[in-house]
C-alpha atoms as a PDB file:
ATOM      1  CA  MET A   1       0.000   0.000   0.000  1.00  0.00           C
ATOM      2  CA  ALA A   2       1.345   3.406  -0.951  1.00  0.00           C
ATOM      3  CA  ALA A   3       1.902   6.048   1.715  1.00  0.00           C
ATOM      4  CA  LYS A   4      -0.717   8.785   1.935  1.00  0.00           C
ATOM      5  CA  THR A   5       0.197  12.160   0.580  1.00  0.00           C
ATOM      6  CA  THR A   6      -1.102  15.367   2.120  1.00  0.00           C
ATOM      7  CA  ASP A   7      -3.679  15.520  -0.687  1.00  0.00           C
ATOM      8  CA  ASP A   8      -5.138  12.195   0.499  1.00  0.00           C
ATOM      9  CA  ILE A   9      -5.683  13.270   4.124  1.00  0.00           C
ATOM     10  CA  ALA A  10      -9.100  14.677   4.945  1.00  0.00           C
ATOM     11  CA  ASP A  11      -9.462  17.434   7.534  1.00  0.00           C
ATOM     12  CA  ASP A  12     -11.481  15.119   9.771  1.00  0.00           C
ATOM     13  CA  GLU A  13      -8.514  12.706   9.881  1.00  0.00           C
ATOM     14  CA  LEU A  14      -6.196  15.353  11.367  1.00  0.00           C
ATOM     15  CA  GLU A  15      -5.839  15.425  15.115  1.00  0.00           C
ATOM     16  CA  PRO A  16      -5.032  18.627  17.011  1.00  0.00           C
ATOM     17  CA  VAL A  17      -1.628  18.775  18.654  1.00  0.00           C
ATOM     18  CA  THR A  18      -1.438  18.608  22.413  1.00  0.00           C
ATOM     19  CA  ASP A  19      -0.799  21.759  24.411  1.00  0.00           C
ATOM     20  CA  GLU A  20       2.652  20.459  25.341  1.00  0.00           C
ATOM     21  CA  THR A  21       3.568  19.811  21.701  1.00  0.00           C
ATOM     22  CA  ALA A  22       2.312  23.243  20.626  1.00  0.00           C
ATOM     23  CA  HIS A  23       4.296  24.882  23.436  1.00  0.00           C
ATOM     24  CA  LYS A  24       7.496  23.114  22.380  1.00  0.00           C
ATOM     25  CA  ALA A  25       6.886  23.970  18.720  1.00  0.00           C
ATOM     26  CA  ARG A  26       6.363  27.654  19.609  1.00  0.00           C
ATOM     27  CA  ARG A  27       9.730  27.694  21.383  1.00  0.00           C
ATOM     28  CA  VAL A  28      11.514  26.172  18.380  1.00  0.00           C
ATOM     29  CA  VAL A  29       9.872  28.597  15.953  1.00  0.00           C
ATOM     30  CA  ALA A  30      10.718  31.549  18.199  1.00  0.00           C
ATOM     31  CA  ALA A  31      14.336  30.412  18.449  1.00  0.00           C
ATOM     32  CA  TYR A  32      14.805  30.236  14.679  1.00  0.00           C
ATOM     33  CA  ALA A  33      12.651  33.178  13.522  1.00  0.00           C
ATOM     34  CA  THR A  34      14.618  36.196  12.389  1.00  0.00           C
ATOM     35  CA  ASP A  35      12.249  38.669  14.068  1.00  0.00           C
ATOM     36  CA  ALA A  36       8.912  38.929  15.868  1.00  0.00           C
ATOM     37  CA  ASP A  37       6.906  39.420  12.666  1.00  0.00           C
ATOM     38  CA  GLU A  38       8.341  36.283  11.121  1.00  0.00           C
ATOM     39  CA  CYS A  39       7.684  34.371  14.336  1.00  0.00           C
ATOM     40  CA  ARG A  40       4.021  35.481  14.384  1.00  0.00           C
ATOM     41  CA  MET A  41       3.610  34.577  10.716  1.00  0.00           C
ATOM     42  CA  LEU A  42       5.116  31.113  11.128  1.00  0.00           C
ATOM     43  CA  LEU A  43       3.118  30.344  14.264  1.00  0.00           C
ATOM     44  CA  SER A  44      -0.059  31.402  12.485  1.00  0.00           C
ATOM     45  CA  MET A  45       0.779  29.308   9.416  1.00  0.00           C
ATOM     46  CA  LEU A  46       1.329  26.291  11.640  1.00  0.00           C
ATOM     47  CA  GLY A  47      -1.910  26.941  13.508  1.00  0.00           C
ATOM     48  CA  ILE A  48      -0.142  27.158  16.861  1.00  0.00           C
ATOM     49  CA  ALA A  49      -0.194  30.886  17.509  1.00  0.00           C
ATOM     50  CA  PRO A  50      -0.996  31.658  21.154  1.00  0.00           C
ATOM     51  CA  GLY A  51      -4.749  32.029  21.557  1.00  0.00           C
ATOM     52  CA  GLU A  52      -5.609  29.977  18.468  1.00  0.00           C
ATOM     53  CA  SER A  53      -8.017  27.129  19.120  1.00  0.00           C
ATOM     54  CA  ALA A  54      -7.621  23.844  17.355  1.00  0.00           C
END
């Protein structure tokens, strides 16, 4: 069986990340972002910006 591509995954198959995972991901993004605007943009694109609900 072939691996699923992102085109084959329905929204209802995606599970929200845990709070702990989102917190760790925010720290990594913040560490590598070049400035605050980039950090906000990346967090928003990933759906893990503070205050965003899954």
